[in-house]
């Protein structure tokens, strides 16, 4: 028996409407405004001022307690630009969340998923200019153990554009005051579809491993952590040479009380060339001291003022950064 097309469409709409019962429509609105003045002239590390705002609305469905679909965008406006927006990144992703597992696939925000990486491995500049991961991420986390695996496709191959992507692994184990953590990343940089004479595939990555103590609950301070570890980078140009693996020692200290904090990060070893890492680690000895203040202005607003001093190559560079994040979320059940 043949079914008329309008009957078929009506049937599909009825099925879809029935399937939406007991589900939630979700929405969120994020605003990230930032000012980051980098006085890096003395060490010749590319001084610049990053000053702008990002707007990131999302809308989607919570299909049940496990499955979520979100659609939105992340728009950047840099102050002083004549354009309303300098760049728009699409946000479209599926999320699976059940018990200790979390899985994302699509174009989804990197904030809070990969923002704990050390700057030596993944620079914090990515938070300004590449706010999304475009690929997949899976995370397993319980009260003592966390492990995250991800891939971020950064360039699709065309006749002239290179194919490159990042993939990484990070995690921690914290049974009490003692903790172990690791952070790894690799960039695979292949050529365009039309080969270029003399061009080669490149691999570039880094690994940081830390062991430390979290004494936050043992003192009157809000936070107190100490850790020691190592940094190793991996780099090769295929068909030309083998792996280059410089390495060095990391020492870190973090204390915070009533919103005020001091962070000190010290590195000593060989210089690195980590494509997506902080450029200061190209030096053999580097110390960074941060004086921070976290004003909580309202329930959904958080600010961070960070005065940084970079001791490197016999000079002192400085940095003044202030960021403000505002995020509201809501949901409504579909009846």
C-alpha atoms as a PDB file:
ATOM      1  CA  UNK A   1       0.000   0.000   0.000  1.00  0.00           C
ATOM      2  CA  UNK A   2       1.375   3.406  -0.977  1.00  0.00           C
ATOM      3  CA  UNK A   3       1.500   6.210   1.626  1.00  0.00           C
ATOM      4  CA  UNK A   4       1.111   9.821   0.546  1.00  0.00           C
ATOM      5  CA  UNK A   5       4.050  12.050   1.361  1.00  0.00           C
ATOM      6  CA  UNK A   6       2.119  14.427   3.647  1.00  0.00           C
ATOM      7  CA  UNK A   7       0.811  11.460   5.647  1.00  0.00           C
ATOM      8  CA  UNK A   8       4.374  10.209   6.042  1.00  0.00           C
ATOM      9  CA  UNK A   9       5.615  13.629   7.243  1.00  0.00           C
ATOM     10  CA  UNK A  10       2.742  13.843   9.716  1.00  0.00           C
ATOM     11  CA  UNK A  11       3.617  10.405  11.073  1.00  0.00           C
ATOM     12  CA  UNK A  12       7.292  11.370  11.542  1.00  0.00           C
ATOM     13  CA  UNK A  13       6.311  14.586  13.361  1.00  0.00           C
ATOM     14  CA  UNK A  14       3.995  12.668  15.688  1.00  0.00           C
ATOM     15  CA  UNK A  15       6.745  10.175  16.516  1.00  0.00           C
ATOM     16  CA  UNK A  16       9.242  12.984  17.140  1.00  0.00           C
ATOM     17  CA  UNK A  17       6.783  14.886  19.337  1.00  0.00           C
ATOM     18  CA  UNK A  18       6.040  11.811  21.415  1.00  0.00           C
ATOM     19  CA  UNK A  19       9.736  11.057  21.806  1.00  0.00           C
ATOM     20  CA  UNK A  20      10.338  14.530  23.277  1.00  0.00           C
ATOM     21  CA  UNK A  21       8.092  13.914  26.291  1.00  0.00           C
ATOM     22  CA  UNK A  22       9.940  13.887  29.636  1.00  0.00           C
ATOM     23  CA  UNK A  23      13.011  15.496  28.068  1.00  0.00           C
ATOM     24  CA  UNK A  24      14.593  18.840  28.931  1.00  0.00           C
ATOM     25  CA  UNK A  25      15.407  21.810  26.746  1.00  0.00           C
ATOM     26  CA  UNK A  26      18.679  23.277  28.029  1.00  0.00           C
ATOM     27  CA  UNK A  27      20.386  26.557  27.449  1.00  0.00           C
ATOM     28  CA  UNK A  28      23.474  28.418  28.602  1.00  0.00           C
ATOM     29  CA  UNK A  29      25.030  31.809  28.005  1.00  0.00           C
ATOM     30  CA  UNK A  30      28.737  32.317  28.566  1.00  0.00           C
ATOM     31  CA  UNK A  31      30.683  35.572  28.500  1.00  0.00           C
ATOM     32  CA  UNK A  32      34.469  35.706  28.779  1.00  0.00           C
ATOM     33  CA  UNK A  33      36.098  39.126  28.697  1.00  0.00           C
ATOM     34  CA  UNK A  34      39.848  39.429  29.114  1.00  0.00           C
ATOM     35  CA  UNK A  35      42.812  41.799  29.143  1.00  0.00           C
ATOM     36  CA  UNK A  36      46.278  40.250  28.966  1.00  0.00           C
ATOM     37  CA  UNK A  37      49.214  42.662  28.668  1.00  0.00           C
ATOM     38  CA  UNK A  38      52.407  40.712  27.904  1.00  0.00           C
ATOM     39  CA  UNK A  39      55.560  42.784  28.384  1.00  0.00           C
ATOM     40  CA  UNK A  40      57.932  40.235  26.840  1.00  0.00           C
ATOM     41  CA  UNK A  41      60.285  42.636  25.039  1.00  0.00           C
ATOM     42  CA  UNK A  42      63.358  42.036  27.217  1.00  0.00           C
ATOM     43  CA  UNK A  43      63.435  38.296  26.494  1.00  0.00           C
ATOM     44  CA  UNK A  44      62.177  38.776  22.892  1.00  0.00           C
ATOM     45  CA  UNK A  45      59.212  36.456  23.445  1.00  0.00           C
ATOM     46  CA  UNK A  46      56.676  38.356  21.267  1.00  0.00           C
ATOM     47  CA  UNK A  47      55.225  41.146  23.430  1.00  0.00           C
ATOM     48  CA  UNK A  48      51.524  41.802  22.804  1.00  0.00           C
ATOM     49  CA  UNK A  49      48.256  42.885  24.412  1.00  0.00           C
ATOM     50  CA  UNK A  50      45.289  40.543  24.103  1.00  0.00           C
ATOM     51  CA  UNK A  51      42.118  42.473  24.859  1.00  0.00           C
ATOM     52  CA  UNK A  52      38.625  41.342  23.927  1.00  0.00           C
ATOM     53  CA  UNK A  53      35.444  39.449  24.726  1.00  0.00           C
ATOM     54  CA  UNK A  54      33.896  36.104  23.791  1.00  0.00           C
ATOM     55  CA  UNK A  55      30.186  35.337  23.696  1.00  0.00           C
ATOM     56  CA  UNK A  56      29.164  31.667  23.747  1.00  0.00           C
ATOM     57  CA  UNK A  57      25.439  30.796  23.818  1.00  0.00           C
ATOM     58  CA  UNK A  58      24.316  27.156  23.607  1.00  0.00           C
ATOM     59  CA  UNK A  59      20.926  25.497  23.181  1.00  0.00           C
ATOM     60  CA  UNK A  60      20.126  21.800  23.213  1.00  0.00           C
ATOM     61  CA  UNK A  61      18.299  18.780  24.545  1.00  0.00           C
ATOM     62  CA  UNK A  62      18.970  16.560  27.519  1.00  0.00           C
ATOM     63  CA  UNK A  63      17.473  13.415  26.002  1.00  0.00           C
ATOM     64  CA  UNK A  64      17.591  11.546  29.299  1.00  0.00           C
ATOM     65  CA  UNK A  65      19.988  11.429  32.242  1.00  0.00           C
ATOM     66  CA  UNK A  66      22.757  10.175  29.942  1.00  0.00           C
ATOM     67  CA  UNK A  67      22.565  11.752  26.465  1.00  0.00           C
ATOM     68  CA  UNK A  68      22.864  15.444  25.575  1.00  0.00           C
ATOM     69  CA  UNK A  69      22.962  17.387  22.289  1.00  0.00           C
ATOM     70  CA  UNK A  70      24.075  21.042  22.129  1.00  0.00           C
ATOM     71  CA  UNK A  71      24.239  23.640  19.334  1.00  0.00           C
ATOM     72  CA  UNK A  72      25.647  27.156  19.557  1.00  0.00           C
ATOM     73  CA  UNK A  73      28.609  29.334  18.678  1.00  0.00           C
ATOM     74  CA  UNK A  74      31.593  31.078  20.216  1.00  0.00           C
ATOM     75  CA  UNK A  75      32.168  34.596  18.857  1.00  0.00           C
ATOM     76  CA  UNK A  76      35.312  36.660  19.456  1.00  0.00           C
ATOM     77  CA  UNK A  77      35.524  40.453  19.322  1.00  0.00           C
ATOM     78  CA  UNK A  78      38.953  41.991  19.917  1.00  0.00           C
ATOM     79  CA  UNK A  79      38.717  45.556  21.177  1.00  0.00           C
ATOM     80  CA  UNK A  80      39.891  48.094  18.647  1.00  0.00           C
ATOM     81  CA  UNK A  81      38.750  45.989  15.692  1.00  0.00           C
ATOM     82  CA  UNK A  82      36.368  47.581  13.201  1.00  0.00           C
ATOM     83  CA  UNK A  83      34.505  44.270  12.837  1.00  0.00           C
ATOM     84  CA  UNK A  84      31.571  43.258  15.011  1.00  0.00           C
ATOM     85  CA  UNK A  85      33.235  39.881  15.428  1.00  0.00           C
ATOM     86  CA  UNK A  86      36.688  38.773  14.354  1.00  0.00           C
ATOM     87  CA  UNK A  87      35.964  35.058  14.348  1.00  0.00           C
ATOM     88  CA  UNK A  88      33.042  32.715  15.014  1.00  0.00           C
ATOM     89  CA  UNK A  89      33.602  29.110  16.072  1.00  0.00           C
ATOM     90  CA  UNK A  90      30.644  26.725  15.759  1.00  0.00           C
ATOM     91  CA  UNK A  91      29.635  24.722  18.827  1.00  0.00           C
ATOM     92  CA  UNK A  92      27.905  21.434  17.925  1.00  0.00           C
ATOM     93  CA  UNK A  93      28.413  18.343  20.034  1.00  0.00           C
ATOM     94  CA  UNK A  94      27.017  15.200  21.570  1.00  0.00           C
ATOM     95  CA  UNK A  95      27.746  14.329  25.214  1.00  0.00           C
ATOM     96  CA  UNK A  96      27.374  10.985  26.953  1.00  0.00           C
ATOM     97  CA  UNK A  97      27.504  11.196  30.745  1.00  0.00           C
ATOM     98  CA  UNK A  98      26.931   8.249  33.040  1.00  0.00           C
ATOM     99  CA  UNK A  99      28.369   7.531  36.473  1.00  0.00           C
ATOM    100  CA  UNK A 100      32.162   7.952  36.171  1.00  0.00           C
ATOM    101  CA  UNK A 101      32.259   8.287  32.362  1.00  0.00           C
ATOM    102  CA  UNK A 102      32.047  11.408  30.221  1.00  0.00           C
ATOM    103  CA  UNK A 103      32.269  11.401  26.406  1.00  0.00           C
ATOM    104  CA  UNK A 104      32.159  14.329  23.955  1.00  0.00           C
ATOM    105  CA  UNK A 105      32.120  14.282  20.164  1.00  0.00           C
ATOM    106  CA  UNK A 106      31.866  17.327  17.925  1.00  0.00           C
ATOM    107  CA  UNK A 107      32.994  20.918  18.458  1.00  0.00           C
ATOM    108  CA  UNK A 108      32.835  21.553  22.221  1.00  0.00           C
ATOM    109  CA  UNK A 109      34.386  24.022  24.724  1.00  0.00           C
ATOM    110  CA  UNK A 110      37.874  23.193  26.020  1.00  0.00           C
ATOM    111  CA  UNK A 111      37.405  25.225  29.234  1.00  0.00           C
ATOM    112  CA  UNK A 112      37.379  22.937  32.314  1.00  0.00           C
ATOM    113  CA  UNK A 113      38.075  19.884  30.127  1.00  0.00           C
ATOM    114  CA  UNK A 114      41.679  20.640  29.111  1.00  0.00           C
ATOM    115  CA  UNK A 115      42.376  23.908  30.934  1.00  0.00           C
ATOM    116  CA  UNK A 116      44.375  22.154  33.686  1.00  0.00           C
ATOM    117  CA  UNK A 117      47.288  21.360  31.343  1.00  0.00           C
ATOM    118  CA  UNK A 118      50.656  22.914  32.277  1.00  0.00           C
ATOM    119  CA  UNK A 119      51.527  25.912  30.111  1.00  0.00           C
ATOM    120  CA  UNK A 120      54.711  24.177  29.024  1.00  0.00           C
ATOM    121  CA  UNK A 121      52.631  21.522  27.247  1.00  0.00           C
ATOM    122  CA  UNK A 122      49.599  23.565  26.100  1.00  0.00           C
ATOM    123  CA  UNK A 123      49.882  27.356  26.230  1.00  0.00           C
ATOM    124  CA  UNK A 124      47.087  29.343  27.889  1.00  0.00           C
ATOM    125  CA  UNK A 125      46.859  31.484  24.725  1.00  0.00           C
ATOM    126  CA  UNK A 126      44.623  28.711  23.351  1.00  0.00           C
ATOM    127  CA  UNK A 127      41.906  29.878  25.760  1.00  0.00           C
ATOM    128  CA  UNK A 128      41.766  33.185  23.845  1.00  0.00           C
ATOM    129  CA  UNK A 129      42.064  32.042  20.233  1.00  0.00           C
ATOM    130  CA  UNK A 130      41.044  28.385  20.140  1.00  0.00           C
ATOM    131  CA  UNK A 131      38.247  27.971  22.710  1.00  0.00           C
ATOM    132  CA  UNK A 132      36.881  24.717  21.241  1.00  0.00           C
ATOM    133  CA  UNK A 133      38.119  21.192  20.768  1.00  0.00           C
ATOM    134  CA  UNK A 134      37.051  19.832  17.371  1.00  0.00           C
ATOM    135  CA  UNK A 135      37.083  16.079  17.669  1.00  0.00           C
ATOM    136  CA  UNK A 136      36.510  13.709  20.573  1.00  0.00           C
ATOM    137  CA  UNK A 137      37.206  13.465  24.293  1.00  0.00           C
ATOM    138  CA  UNK A 138      36.565  10.673  26.786  1.00  0.00           C
ATOM    139  CA  UNK A 139      37.076  11.012  30.531  1.00  0.00           C
ATOM    140  CA  UNK A 140      36.858   8.557  33.406  1.00  0.00           C
ATOM    141  CA  UNK A 141      36.835  10.044  36.909  1.00  0.00           C
ATOM    142  CA  UNK A 142      36.106   8.782  40.414  1.00  0.00           C
ATOM    143  CA  UNK A 143      37.019  10.052  43.877  1.00  0.00           C
ATOM    144  CA  UNK A 144      40.729   9.152  43.568  1.00  0.00           C
ATOM    145  CA  UNK A 145      41.492   8.633  39.883  1.00  0.00           C
ATOM    146  CA  UNK A 146      41.022  10.623  36.668  1.00  0.00           C
ATOM    147  CA  UNK A 147      42.036   9.865  33.093  1.00  0.00           C
ATOM    148  CA  UNK A 148      41.283  11.872  29.920  1.00  0.00           C
ATOM    149  CA  UNK A 149      41.977  10.954  26.282  1.00  0.00           C
ATOM    150  CA  UNK A 150      41.299  13.429  23.447  1.00  0.00           C
ATOM    151  CA  UNK A 151      41.930  14.369  19.829  1.00  0.00           C
ATOM    152  CA  UNK A 152      41.605  17.875  18.354  1.00  0.00           C
ATOM    153  CA  UNK A 153      41.599  18.255  14.558  1.00  0.00           C
ATOM    154  CA  UNK A 154      43.239  21.631  13.891  1.00  0.00           C
ATOM    155  CA  UNK A 155      43.495  21.669  10.081  1.00  0.00           C
ATOM    156  CA  UNK A 156      41.721  19.703   7.341  1.00  0.00           C
ATOM    157  CA  UNK A 157      43.848  18.719   4.371  1.00  0.00           C
ATOM    158  CA  UNK A 158      43.170  20.431   1.031  1.00  0.00           C
ATOM    159  CA  UNK A 159      45.282  20.952  -2.065  1.00  0.00           C
ATOM    160  CA  UNK A 160      47.106  23.800  -0.280  1.00  0.00           C
ATOM    161  CA  UNK A 161      46.274  23.424   3.431  1.00  0.00           C
ATOM    162  CA  UNK A 162      48.193  21.038   5.644  1.00  0.00           C
ATOM    163  CA  UNK A 163      46.596  18.246   7.638  1.00  0.00           C
ATOM    164  CA  UNK A 164      47.380  18.484  11.323  1.00  0.00           C
ATOM    165  CA  UNK A 165      45.825  17.409  14.577  1.00  0.00           C
ATOM    166  CA  UNK A 166      46.594  17.211  18.270  1.00  0.00           C
ATOM    167  CA  UNK A 167      45.976  14.253  20.521  1.00  0.00           C
ATOM    168  CA  UNK A 168      46.698  13.845  24.193  1.00  0.00           C
ATOM    169  CA  UNK A 169      46.369  11.956  27.424  1.00  0.00           C
ATOM    170  CA  UNK A 170      46.211  13.295  30.968  1.00  0.00           C
ATOM    171  CA  UNK A 171      45.290  12.023  34.387  1.00  0.00           C
ATOM    172  CA  UNK A 172      45.913  11.960  38.099  1.00  0.00           C
ATOM    173  CA  UNK A 173      45.817   9.637  41.091  1.00  0.00           C
ATOM    174  CA  UNK A 174      45.131  11.150  44.510  1.00  0.00           C
ATOM    175  CA  UNK A 175      44.359   8.680  47.338  1.00  0.00           C
ATOM    176  CA  UNK A 176      44.976  11.290  50.066  1.00  0.00           C
ATOM    177  CA  UNK A 177      47.352  14.210  50.420  1.00  0.00           C
ATOM    178  CA  UNK A 178      49.782  12.568  47.964  1.00  0.00           C
ATOM    179  CA  UNK A 179      49.100  12.812  44.225  1.00  0.00           C
ATOM    180  CA  UNK A 180      50.592  11.763  40.899  1.00  0.00           C
ATOM    181  CA  UNK A 181      49.665  13.435  37.629  1.00  0.00           C
ATOM    182  CA  UNK A 182      50.676  13.334  33.985  1.00  0.00           C
ATOM    183  CA  UNK A 183      49.955  15.439  30.889  1.00  0.00           C
ATOM    184  CA  UNK A 184      50.908  14.438  27.339  1.00  0.00           C
ATOM    185  CA  UNK A 185      50.282  15.994  23.925  1.00  0.00           C
ATOM    186  CA  UNK A 186      51.429  15.290  20.365  1.00  0.00           C
ATOM    187  CA  UNK A 187      51.024  17.370  17.206  1.00  0.00           C
ATOM    188  CA  UNK A 188      50.984  15.489  13.892  1.00  0.00           C
ATOM    189  CA  UNK A 189      51.701  17.937  11.073  1.00  0.00           C
ATOM    190  CA  UNK A 190      51.325  16.380   7.613  1.00  0.00           C
ATOM    191  CA  UNK A 191      51.488  18.069   4.233  1.00  0.00           C
ATOM    192  CA  UNK A 192      48.803  19.246   1.791  1.00  0.00           C
ATOM    193  CA  UNK A 193      47.172  16.931  -0.752  1.00  0.00           C
ATOM    194  CA  UNK A 194      49.410  18.347  -3.472  1.00  0.00           C
ATOM    195  CA  UNK A 195      52.885  17.443  -2.300  1.00  0.00           C
ATOM    196  CA  UNK A 196      55.569  20.107  -1.985  1.00  0.00           C
ATOM    197  CA  UNK A 197      59.151  19.286  -2.922  1.00  0.00           C
ATOM    198  CA  UNK A 198      61.354  19.257   0.164  1.00  0.00           C
ATOM    199  CA  UNK A 199      58.375  19.186   2.566  1.00  0.00           C
ATOM    200  CA  UNK A 200      58.274  16.621   5.391  1.00  0.00           C
ATOM    201  CA  UNK A 201      55.849  15.291   7.976  1.00  0.00           C
ATOM    202  CA  UNK A 202      56.537  16.649  11.456  1.00  0.00           C
ATOM    203  CA  UNK A 203      55.759  15.280  14.920  1.00  0.00           C
ATOM    204  CA  UNK A 204      55.994  17.539  17.958  1.00  0.00           C
ATOM    205  CA  UNK A 205      54.835  16.841  21.497  1.00  0.00           C
ATOM    206  CA  UNK A 206      55.551  16.989  25.202  1.00  0.00           C
ATOM    207  CA  UNK A 207      55.081  15.051  28.430  1.00  0.00           C
ATOM    208  CA  UNK A 208      54.975  16.413  31.990  1.00  0.00           C
ATOM    209  CA  UNK A 209      54.885  14.117  35.036  1.00  0.00           C
ATOM    210  CA  UNK A 210      54.407  15.405  38.591  1.00  0.00           C
ATOM    211  CA  UNK A 211      54.385  14.000  42.113  1.00  0.00           C
ATOM    212  CA  UNK A 212      53.335  16.158  45.012  1.00  0.00           C
ATOM    213  CA  UNK A 213      51.442  16.890  48.203  1.00  0.00           C
ATOM    214  CA  UNK A 214      48.084  18.616  48.604  1.00  0.00           C
ATOM    215  CA  UNK A 215      48.121  20.027  52.145  1.00  0.00           C
ATOM    216  CA  UNK A 216      45.033  22.208  51.733  1.00  0.00           C
ATOM    217  CA  UNK A 217      43.010  20.346  54.374  1.00  0.00           C
ATOM    218  CA  UNK A 218      45.934  20.219  56.805  1.00  0.00           C
ATOM    219  CA  UNK A 219      46.322  23.982  57.237  1.00  0.00           C
ATOM    220  CA  UNK A 220      44.196  27.102  57.675  1.00  0.00           C
ATOM    221  CA  UNK A 221      44.897  27.979  54.022  1.00  0.00           C
ATOM    222  CA  UNK A 222      42.327  27.459  51.281  1.00  0.00           C
ATOM    223  CA  UNK A 223      44.930  25.766  49.096  1.00  0.00           C
ATOM    224  CA  UNK A 224      48.517  24.574  49.557  1.00  0.00           C
ATOM    225  CA  UNK A 225      50.217  22.247  47.073  1.00  0.00           C
ATOM    226  CA  UNK A 226      53.826  21.313  46.351  1.00  0.00           C
ATOM    227  CA  UNK A 227      55.039  19.131  43.495  1.00  0.00           C
ATOM    228  CA  UNK A 228      58.186  18.033  41.714  1.00  0.00           C
ATOM    229  CA  UNK A 229      58.385  16.447  38.291  1.00  0.00           C
ATOM    230  CA  UNK A 230      59.885  16.404  34.880  1.00  0.00           C
ATOM    231  CA  UNK A 231      59.258  17.811  31.426  1.00  0.00           C
ATOM    232  CA  UNK A 232      60.248  16.030  28.214  1.00  0.00           C
ATOM    233  CA  UNK A 233      59.496  17.067  24.640  1.00  0.00           C
ATOM    234  CA  UNK A 234      59.527  14.993  21.456  1.00  0.00           C
ATOM    235  CA  UNK A 235      60.287  16.358  18.013  1.00  0.00           C
ATOM    236  CA  UNK A 236      61.238  14.887  14.684  1.00  0.00           C
ATOM    237  CA  UNK A 237      61.094  15.696  10.988  1.00  0.00           C
ATOM    238  CA  UNK A 238      60.433  12.423   9.233  1.00  0.00           C
ATOM    239  CA  UNK A 239      62.931  11.183   6.604  1.00  0.00           C
ATOM    240  CA  UNK A 240      65.500  13.734   7.861  1.00  0.00           C
ATOM    241  CA  UNK A 241      66.420  12.715  11.410  1.00  0.00           C
ATOM    242  CA  UNK A 242      65.443  10.866  14.546  1.00  0.00           C
ATOM    243  CA  UNK A 243      63.682  12.027  17.672  1.00  0.00           C
ATOM    244  CA  UNK A 244      64.985  15.016  19.631  1.00  0.00           C
ATOM    245  CA  UNK A 245      64.060  14.560  23.308  1.00  0.00           C
ATOM    246  CA  UNK A 246      65.206  17.429  25.565  1.00  0.00           C
ATOM    247  CA  UNK A 247      64.218  17.097  29.202  1.00  0.00           C
ATOM    248  CA  UNK A 248      64.378  18.941  32.509  1.00  0.00           C
ATOM    249  CA  UNK A 249      63.194  19.341  36.111  1.00  0.00           C
ATOM    250  CA  UNK A 250      59.969  21.046  37.233  1.00  0.00           C
ATOM    251  CA  UNK A 251      59.328  22.437  40.735  1.00  0.00           C
ATOM    252  CA  UNK A 252      56.007  24.075  41.638  1.00  0.00           C
ATOM    253  CA  UNK A 253      54.415  25.702  44.665  1.00  0.00           C
ATOM    254  CA  UNK A 254      50.855  27.028  45.050  1.00  0.00           C
ATOM    255  CA  UNK A 255      49.229  28.717  48.046  1.00  0.00           C
ATOM    256  CA  UNK A 256      45.882  30.550  48.232  1.00  0.00           C
ATOM    257  CA  UNK A 257      43.952  32.194  51.067  1.00  0.00           C
ATOM    258  CA  UNK A 258      40.694  34.140  50.857  1.00  0.00           C
ATOM    259  CA  UNK A 259      41.046  34.649  47.121  1.00  0.00           C
ATOM    260  CA  UNK A 260      44.696  35.769  47.175  1.00  0.00           C
ATOM    261  CA  UNK A 261      47.358  33.402  45.891  1.00  0.00           C
ATOM    262  CA  UNK A 262      51.012  32.881  45.022  1.00  0.00           C
ATOM    263  CA  UNK A 263      52.146  30.395  42.378  1.00  0.00           C
ATOM    264  CA  UNK A 264      55.796  29.722  41.609  1.00  0.00           C
ATOM    265  CA  UNK A 265      56.935  27.479  38.760  1.00  0.00           C
ATOM    266  CA  UNK A 266      60.642  26.690  38.229  1.00  0.00           C
ATOM    267  CA  UNK A 267      62.247  24.821  35.337  1.00  0.00           C
ATOM    268  CA  UNK A 268      65.862  23.702  34.909  1.00  0.00           C
ATOM    269  CA  UNK A 269      67.113  21.553  32.042  1.00  0.00           C
ATOM    270  CA  UNK A 270      67.398  21.594  28.279  1.00  0.00           C
ATOM    271  CA  UNK A 271      65.532  24.069  26.092  1.00  0.00           C
ATOM    272  CA  UNK A 272      62.391  22.890  24.288  1.00  0.00           C
ATOM    273  CA  UNK A 273      60.634  23.644  21.017  1.00  0.00           C
ATOM    274  CA  UNK A 274      57.019  22.744  21.813  1.00  0.00           C
ATOM    275  CA  UNK A 275      54.780  24.114  19.057  1.00  0.00           C
ATOM    276  CA  UNK A 276      51.677  24.483  21.238  1.00  0.00           C
ATOM    277  CA  UNK A 277      53.575  25.110  24.483  1.00  0.00           C
ATOM    278  CA  UNK A 278      54.725  28.268  26.248  1.00  0.00           C
ATOM    279  CA  UNK A 279      57.753  29.817  24.517  1.00  0.00           C
ATOM    280  CA  UNK A 280      59.564  30.542  27.792  1.00  0.00           C
ATOM    281  CA  UNK A 281      60.464  26.856  28.046  1.00  0.00           C
ATOM    282  CA  UNK A 282      62.832  27.225  25.106  1.00  0.00           C
ATOM    283  CA  UNK A 283      65.333  28.425  27.744  1.00  0.00           C
ATOM    284  CA  UNK A 284      67.380  26.154  29.987  1.00  0.00           C
ATOM    285  CA  UNK A 285      66.415  27.952  33.210  1.00  0.00           C
ATOM    286  CA  UNK A 286      63.084  29.667  33.729  1.00  0.00           C
ATOM    287  CA  UNK A 287      61.135  30.826  36.790  1.00  0.00           C
ATOM    288  CA  UNK A 288      57.593  32.236  36.780  1.00  0.00           C
ATOM    289  CA  UNK A 289      55.981  33.860  39.814  1.00  0.00           C
ATOM    290  CA  UNK A 290      52.256  34.680  39.799  1.00  0.00           C
ATOM    291  CA  UNK A 291      50.440  36.904  42.290  1.00  0.00           C
ATOM    292  CA  UNK A 292      46.719  36.211  41.908  1.00  0.00           C
ATOM    293  CA  UNK A 293      43.388  37.451  43.212  1.00  0.00           C
ATOM    294  CA  UNK A 294      40.060  35.733  42.556  1.00  0.00           C
ATOM    295  CA  UNK A 295      37.135  38.064  43.280  1.00  0.00           C
ATOM    296  CA  UNK A 296      33.783  36.263  43.237  1.00  0.00           C
ATOM    297  CA  UNK A 297      31.511  39.115  42.261  1.00  0.00           C
ATOM    298  CA  UNK A 298      28.241  37.208  42.006  1.00  0.00           C
ATOM    299  CA  UNK A 299      26.949  33.650  41.959  1.00  0.00           C
ATOM    300  CA  UNK A 300      27.711  33.075  38.268  1.00  0.00           C
ATOM    301  CA  UNK A 301      30.593  35.544  37.875  1.00  0.00           C
ATOM    302  CA  UNK A 302      34.241  34.849  38.587  1.00  0.00           C
ATOM    303  CA  UNK A 303      37.195  37.122  38.015  1.00  0.00           C
ATOM    304  CA  UNK A 304      40.929  36.473  38.073  1.00  0.00           C
ATOM    305  CA  UNK A 305      43.649  39.109  38.373  1.00  0.00           C
ATOM    306  CA  UNK A 306      47.134  37.729  37.684  1.00  0.00           C
ATOM    307  CA  UNK A 307      50.413  39.658  37.978  1.00  0.00           C
ATOM    308  CA  UNK A 308      53.184  37.501  36.522  1.00  0.00           C
ATOM    309  CA  UNK A 309      56.967  37.870  36.577  1.00  0.00           C
ATOM    310  CA  UNK A 310      59.106  35.826  34.172  1.00  0.00           C
ATOM    311  CA  UNK A 311      62.752  35.357  35.186  1.00  0.00           C
ATOM    312  CA  UNK A 312      64.556  34.076  32.091  1.00  0.00           C
ATOM    313  CA  UNK A 313      67.840  34.592  30.212  1.00  0.00           C
ATOM    314  CA  UNK A 314      69.112  37.075  32.798  1.00  0.00           C
ATOM    315  CA  UNK A 315      66.147  39.454  32.430  1.00  0.00           C
ATOM    316  CA  UNK A 316      62.697  39.876  33.988  1.00  0.00           C
ATOM    317  CA  UNK A 317      59.582  40.139  31.837  1.00  0.00           C
ATOM    318  CA  UNK A 318      56.192  41.005  33.319  1.00  0.00           C
ATOM    319  CA  UNK A 319      52.562  40.312  32.537  1.00  0.00           C
ATOM    320  CA  UNK A 320      49.294  41.762  33.824  1.00  0.00           C
ATOM    321  CA  UNK A 321      46.118  39.820  33.082  1.00  0.00           C
ATOM    322  CA  UNK A 322      42.517  40.153  34.184  1.00  0.00           C
ATOM    323  CA  UNK A 323      39.734  37.845  33.083  1.00  0.00           C
ATOM    324  CA  UNK A 324      36.042  37.794  33.881  1.00  0.00           C
ATOM    325  CA  UNK A 325      33.751  34.836  33.211  1.00  0.00           C
ATOM    326  CA  UNK A 326      29.964  34.953  33.415  1.00  0.00           C
ATOM    327  CA  UNK A 327      27.861  31.863  32.836  1.00  0.00           C
ATOM    328  CA  UNK A 328      24.163  31.245  33.328  1.00  0.00           C
ATOM    329  CA  UNK A 329      22.385  27.971  32.669  1.00  0.00           C
ATOM    330  CA  UNK A 330      18.799  26.846  32.669  1.00  0.00           C
ATOM    331  CA  UNK A 331      16.525  24.028  31.574  1.00  0.00           C
ATOM    332  CA  UNK A 332      12.838  23.337  31.100  1.00  0.00           C
ATOM    333  CA  UNK A 333      11.099  20.004  30.831  1.00  0.00           C
ATOM    334  CA  UNK A 334       9.177  19.327  27.632  1.00  0.00           C
ATOM    335  CA  UNK A 335       5.652  18.219  28.513  1.00  0.00           C
END
